[in-house]
Every structure is written in C-alpha cells, then in structure tokens.
C-alpha cells in the first residue's frame, strides 16, 4: 500500500511540475523580446518607433525652418533739386521756356517776366525771338546737361539786339541763370558747348570794328564764354575779316 501511495504522489508532483514549466515558458514567449505588448482584448501594438522602425533616427527640423528671412535693400530717397537721372535739355524745350523771371534779368528786355510761346514773346512794342543757334552741355558744374542759345530783341526802331542765355537743367526743366549781350545787329552763326571740362561755350557771331558804321558787319568773331551767374563772361576772342 505504501508503495502505491508513493508512486501516486510522485506522479502528481511530476504532472504539477510539468504544468508550472509550461506556464513559465508561455510567459517568456509573450513578454520577452517579441517586440509587441498585449492589450486587453487580444490586440497587440508595435513597440517600434514610427518612421522606419530603426529606432536610431532623431527628429530634425525642416531645412526651411532654419533659414532667416532676407531683408530687401531700401533705396535712399533722392534729394529735391538733385535729380541726376533727368536727361539732357534739348534746344526744342527752349521754345516754351522762361527767359526773364523775378530773380533773373535778360539784357535789353523790358521789365517783368518773359516766357516764350513757340520761341517768341511780344509786349509793349518789343519782340523777343529765340534764335536757332543752340548748344547743349554742362555749363553750371552739375551732372545735368544745360543749354546755351542766342536770343534777338527787336525794338520799335531799327535796333536788333542779340544776346546769349544759359539755361540750367533743373530736373529736366530749363531755368535761365546767366546771359550776355552781344550788341546791336550782331547775328550769331554757331554755338558749341565744351563739357564736362572746361565747361565753356564757343560762340561765332558777326560784328564790326569800333570805327565801322552800325549798319554793316566787317568781322567774324569767335568768342569763348563761361558762366559766372548771373552773367556769361567772355574769356577771350579772335577776329577774322568778314565780307557780306
């Protein structure tokens, strides 16, 4: 009897030991190294990191996020009266330009303001006409190109007085700033402006000697002028005989 009881006891112990071993192995398979966690209801979620599952990549900011905004260069405002972008004056512009203002006087013209209309002004028996002889270039020392032209003043008598005028280029507008009188019945033949240096106007006109009658011209004079506001100052001249 004792032998049978001992055999049964050993069998029961063996069965229990095998059952415990089976439970232990099952726990190791579901909890160790399988890469998944068991949730209630039998579903499993991956323990691997999103984005490829390697687990070694670190989050990096987008390359565009690290760029600093670029600043656009700001243009400096141009000072009034210093607009160097204006083009050169043209001789045609002078046909509607001012000739005499409240601050500038043209020799041989009557008092008051004078402005050309299609190259002509008339008032108080006086006619002032812009002549075709004209030169373009820098006469006042700034970057803008000025204009020099001849003007004729006809009075009620026989006098026809010629003169020279320099118009400064004021942001594209001709403004009279200097003048010179050439005398009675001394027509201008040509005007050439030398610029940027020495900023001079070479003027060829007809005149006469001191002892010659006023009704004739006997000399072709080539004179050089520069601007010394409000005058055009003659630097010198050369004469050649002239026969009509």
Protein backbone atom coordinates (compact mmCIF):
# COMPACT_ATOMS: atom_id res chain seq x y z
CA UNK A 1 0.00 0.00 0.00
CA UNK A 2 2.76 2.44 0.87
CA UNK A 3 4.45 1.79 -2.48
CA UNK A 4 1.31 2.62 -4.41
CA UNK A 5 0.77 5.82 -2.41
CA UNK A 6 4.34 6.91 -3.03
CA UNK A 7 4.05 6.25 -6.78
CA UNK A 8 0.84 8.24 -6.98
CA UNK A 9 2.44 11.09 -5.09
CA UNK A 10 5.43 11.17 -7.43
CA UNK A 11 3.12 11.13 -10.48
CA UNK A 12 1.07 14.00 -9.08
CA UNK A 13 4.25 16.01 -8.35
CA UNK A 14 5.59 15.36 -11.86
CA UNK A 15 2.35 16.49 -13.50
CA UNK A 16 2.36 19.66 -11.36
CA UNK A 17 5.99 20.39 -12.20
CA UNK A 18 5.34 19.99 -15.93
CA UNK A 19 2.33 22.31 -15.75
CA UNK A 20 4.35 25.01 -13.96
CA UNK A 21 7.16 24.69 -16.51
CA UNK A 22 4.66 25.07 -19.34
CA UNK A 23 3.22 28.25 -17.79
CA UNK A 24 6.72 29.75 -17.29
CA UNK A 25 7.70 29.10 -20.92
CA UNK A 26 4.46 30.70 -22.13
CA UNK A 27 5.11 33.84 -20.09
CA UNK A 28 8.62 34.18 -21.54
CA UNK A 29 7.33 33.88 -25.16
CA UNK A 30 4.71 36.61 -24.77
CA UNK A 31 6.67 39.13 -22.69
CA UNK A 32 10.35 38.91 -23.70
CA UNK A 33 11.89 40.14 -26.97
CA UNK A 34 8.82 39.62 -29.13
CA UNK A 35 8.54 43.35 -29.92
CA UNK A 36 4.80 43.58 -29.01
CA UNK A 37 2.66 44.38 -25.96
CA UNK A 38 -0.53 42.53 -25.35
CA UNK A 39 -3.56 44.69 -24.70
CA UNK A 40 -6.83 43.60 -23.23
CA UNK A 41 -8.94 42.07 -25.93
CA UNK A 42 -6.01 40.27 -27.61
CA UNK A 43 -4.73 43.07 -29.83
CA UNK A 44 -1.04 43.92 -29.99
CA UNK A 45 0.67 47.24 -30.66
CA UNK A 46 4.14 47.61 -32.08
CA UNK A 47 6.81 48.99 -29.72
CA UNK A 48 8.93 50.19 -32.63
CA UNK A 49 9.31 53.96 -33.22
CA UNK A 50 7.34 55.42 -36.20
CA UNK A 51 9.19 56.36 -39.37
CA UNK A 52 11.00 53.16 -40.38
CA UNK A 53 11.31 51.20 -37.15
CA UNK A 54 15.08 51.51 -36.80
CA UNK A 55 14.81 53.39 -33.56
CA UNK A 56 18.06 55.35 -34.15
CA UNK A 57 16.77 58.38 -36.09
CA UNK A 58 16.35 61.64 -34.22
CA UNK A 59 13.82 64.28 -35.20
CA UNK A 60 15.39 67.06 -37.29
CA UNK A 61 13.84 70.47 -38.03
CA UNK A 62 12.77 71.23 -41.60
CA UNK A 63 15.61 72.92 -43.55
CA UNK A 64 13.29 75.82 -44.43
CA UNK A 65 12.56 76.49 -40.79
CA UNK A 66 16.18 77.34 -40.06
CA UNK A 67 16.51 79.97 -42.81
CA UNK A 68 16.47 83.59 -41.72
CA UNK A 69 14.26 85.99 -43.71
CA UNK A 70 16.25 88.10 -46.12
CA UNK A 71 15.96 91.85 -45.91
CA UNK A 72 15.31 93.74 -49.10
CA UNK A 73 17.63 96.71 -49.66
CA UNK A 74 15.91 100.03 -49.26
CA UNK A 75 16.50 102.81 -51.75
CA UNK A 76 17.62 106.14 -50.38
CA UNK A 77 15.32 108.99 -51.36
CA UNK A 78 16.65 111.46 -53.87
CA UNK A 79 17.08 114.96 -52.53
CA UNK A 80 14.96 117.67 -54.20
CA UNK A 81 16.83 119.52 -56.95
CA UNK A 82 19.50 116.78 -57.20
CA UNK A 83 17.79 114.51 -59.69
CA UNK A 84 20.71 113.37 -61.81
CA UNK A 85 18.58 110.85 -63.69
CA UNK A 86 16.98 113.61 -65.81
CA UNK A 87 18.10 113.64 -69.45
CA UNK A 88 19.89 116.49 -71.19
CA UNK A 89 17.94 119.58 -72.15
CA UNK A 90 17.01 119.93 -75.80
CA UNK A 91 17.02 123.05 -77.94
CA UNK A 92 13.35 122.45 -78.72
CA UNK A 93 12.49 122.75 -74.99
CA UNK A 94 13.69 126.36 -75.03
CA UNK A 95 10.84 127.33 -77.36
CA UNK A 96 8.49 127.23 -74.37
CA UNK A 97 10.99 128.18 -71.64
CA UNK A 98 11.15 131.21 -69.37
CA UNK A 99 13.59 133.91 -70.43
CA UNK A 100 13.21 136.50 -67.67
CA UNK A 101 11.96 135.88 -64.14
CA UNK A 102 11.58 137.74 -60.87
CA UNK A 103 15.15 136.77 -59.96
CA UNK A 104 16.85 136.85 -63.39
CA UNK A 105 17.07 139.74 -65.87
CA UNK A 106 17.88 139.39 -69.56
CA UNK A 107 19.76 142.38 -71.08
CA UNK A 108 17.77 144.56 -73.50
CA UNK A 109 14.41 143.05 -72.45
CA UNK A 110 11.67 145.16 -70.83
CA UNK A 111 10.91 144.70 -67.15
CA UNK A 112 8.66 141.88 -65.97
CA UNK A 113 8.51 138.16 -66.58
CA UNK A 114 9.10 136.89 -70.10
CA UNK A 115 8.36 133.35 -71.31
CA UNK A 116 8.48 132.04 -74.87
CA UNK A 117 5.47 130.71 -76.72
CA UNK A 118 6.71 128.74 -79.69
CA UNK A 119 10.02 130.62 -79.40
CA UNK A 120 8.52 134.12 -79.37
CA UNK A 121 7.37 136.81 -76.92
CA UNK A 122 5.80 140.20 -77.72
CA UNK A 123 4.78 143.08 -75.49
CA UNK A 124 4.99 146.89 -75.22
CA UNK A 125 6.20 147.17 -78.81
CA UNK A 126 9.09 144.77 -78.20
CA UNK A 127 9.50 141.38 -79.90
CA UNK A 128 11.88 138.76 -78.43
CA UNK A 129 12.71 135.71 -80.53
CA UNK A 130 14.70 132.56 -79.78
CA UNK A 131 17.33 132.00 -82.47
CA UNK A 132 18.15 128.58 -83.99
CA UNK A 133 21.78 128.64 -82.82
CA UNK A 134 21.94 126.43 -79.72
CA UNK A 135 24.43 124.24 -77.83
CA UNK A 136 23.91 121.50 -75.22
CA UNK A 137 26.38 120.59 -72.46
CA UNK A 138 27.36 121.20 -68.85
CA UNK A 139 27.84 124.91 -68.14
CA UNK A 140 26.97 125.06 -64.43
CA UNK A 141 29.13 122.28 -62.94
CA UNK A 142 26.47 119.69 -62.05
CA UNK A 143 25.97 116.33 -63.82
CA UNK A 144 22.93 117.54 -65.81
CA UNK A 145 23.36 118.86 -69.36
CA UNK A 146 22.43 122.55 -69.78
CA UNK A 147 21.58 124.65 -72.85
CA UNK A 148 23.02 127.83 -74.38
CA UNK A 149 21.16 129.70 -77.12
CA UNK A 150 21.03 133.03 -78.93
CA UNK A 151 18.16 135.49 -78.46
CA UNK A 152 17.19 138.55 -80.58
CA UNK A 153 15.36 141.58 -79.16
CA UNK A 154 13.70 143.85 -81.73
CA UNK A 155 12.56 147.28 -80.56
CA UNK A 156 10.30 149.79 -82.25
CA UNK A 157 13.23 151.38 -84.11
CA UNK A 158 15.97 149.86 -86.23
CA UNK A 159 17.71 148.13 -83.38
CA UNK A 160 18.06 144.37 -83.31
CA UNK A 161 19.95 143.40 -80.17
CA UNK A 162 21.44 139.93 -79.87
CA UNK A 163 22.39 138.12 -76.70
CA UNK A 164 23.32 134.75 -75.22
CA UNK A 165 21.45 132.86 -72.49
CA UNK A 166 22.40 129.80 -70.43
CA UNK A 167 19.53 127.67 -69.16
CA UNK A 168 20.37 125.36 -66.25
CA UNK A 169 18.94 121.87 -66.31
CA UNK A 170 16.74 121.77 -63.20
CA UNK A 171 15.48 118.15 -63.13
CA UNK A 172 14.66 118.34 -66.83
CA UNK A 173 13.29 121.92 -66.79
CA UNK A 174 15.26 124.79 -68.43
CA UNK A 175 15.82 127.67 -65.96
CA UNK A 176 17.60 130.86 -67.16
CA UNK A 177 20.63 131.62 -64.95
CA UNK A 178 23.16 133.64 -66.99
CA UNK A 179 23.25 135.95 -70.01
CA UNK A 180 25.47 138.19 -72.12
CA UNK A 181 24.69 140.99 -74.56
CA UNK A 182 26.42 140.91 -77.98
CA UNK A 183 25.21 144.32 -79.18
CA UNK A 184 23.10 145.75 -81.98
CA UNK A 185 22.83 143.85 -85.28
CA UNK A 186 25.37 141.15 -84.39
CA UNK A 187 23.79 137.90 -85.59
CA UNK A 188 25.06 134.59 -84.15
CA UNK A 189 26.30 131.90 -86.53
CA UNK A 190 27.06 128.97 -84.17
CA UNK A 191 27.29 127.85 -80.52
CA UNK A 192 29.30 124.86 -79.29
CA UNK A 193 29.47 123.81 -75.61
CA UNK A 194 32.63 122.04 -74.38
CA UNK A 195 31.83 119.73 -71.44
CA UNK A 196 32.36 118.18 -68.96
CA UNK A 197 35.56 120.27 -69.00
CA UNK A 198 36.29 123.12 -69.26
CA UNK A 199 32.52 123.95 -69.30
CA UNK A 200 32.73 126.71 -71.88
CA UNK A 201 30.66 127.89 -74.83
CA UNK A 202 32.38 128.86 -78.07
CA UNK A 203 30.25 131.38 -79.95
CA UNK A 204 30.79 132.62 -83.51
CA UNK A 205 28.97 135.82 -84.44
CA UNK A 206 29.28 138.79 -86.81
CA UNK A 207 30.19 142.23 -85.60
CA UNK A 208 32.15 145.33 -86.62
CA UNK A 209 35.10 147.47 -85.66
CA UNK A 210 34.73 150.48 -83.41
CA UNK A 211 35.03 152.88 -86.35
CA UNK A 212 32.70 150.98 -88.69
CA UNK A 213 29.11 152.12 -89.26
CA UNK A 214 26.41 150.24 -87.31
CA UNK A 215 24.62 149.20 -90.50
CA UNK A 216 27.43 146.87 -91.65
CA UNK A 217 29.31 143.87 -90.27
CA UNK A 218 33.01 143.51 -91.08
CA UNK A 219 34.28 140.96 -88.53
CA UNK A 220 33.58 137.32 -87.80
CA UNK A 221 34.34 136.92 -84.10
CA UNK A 222 34.95 133.66 -82.26
CA UNK A 223 34.48 134.21 -78.51
CA UNK A 224 34.64 131.85 -75.54
CA UNK A 225 32.25 132.27 -72.60
CA UNK A 226 31.81 130.70 -69.21
CA UNK A 227 29.00 131.06 -66.66
CA UNK A 228 29.55 133.38 -63.69
CA UNK A 229 25.93 133.76 -62.61
CA UNK A 230 24.06 135.88 -63.45
CA UNK A 231 26.45 136.76 -66.31
CA UNK A 232 28.15 134.89 -69.11
CA UNK A 233 31.72 136.18 -69.00
CA UNK A 234 33.88 136.35 -72.13
CA UNK A 235 37.28 134.67 -71.62
CA UNK A 236 38.71 135.89 -74.92
CA UNK A 237 38.06 136.11 -78.64
CA UNK A 238 39.71 136.04 -82.05
CA UNK A 239 38.58 138.06 -85.09
CA UNK A 240 38.71 137.42 -88.78
CA UNK A 241 37.73 139.75 -91.62
CA UNK A 242 34.20 139.33 -92.90
CA UNK A 243 32.76 140.45 -96.21
CA UNK A 244 28.97 140.11 -96.74
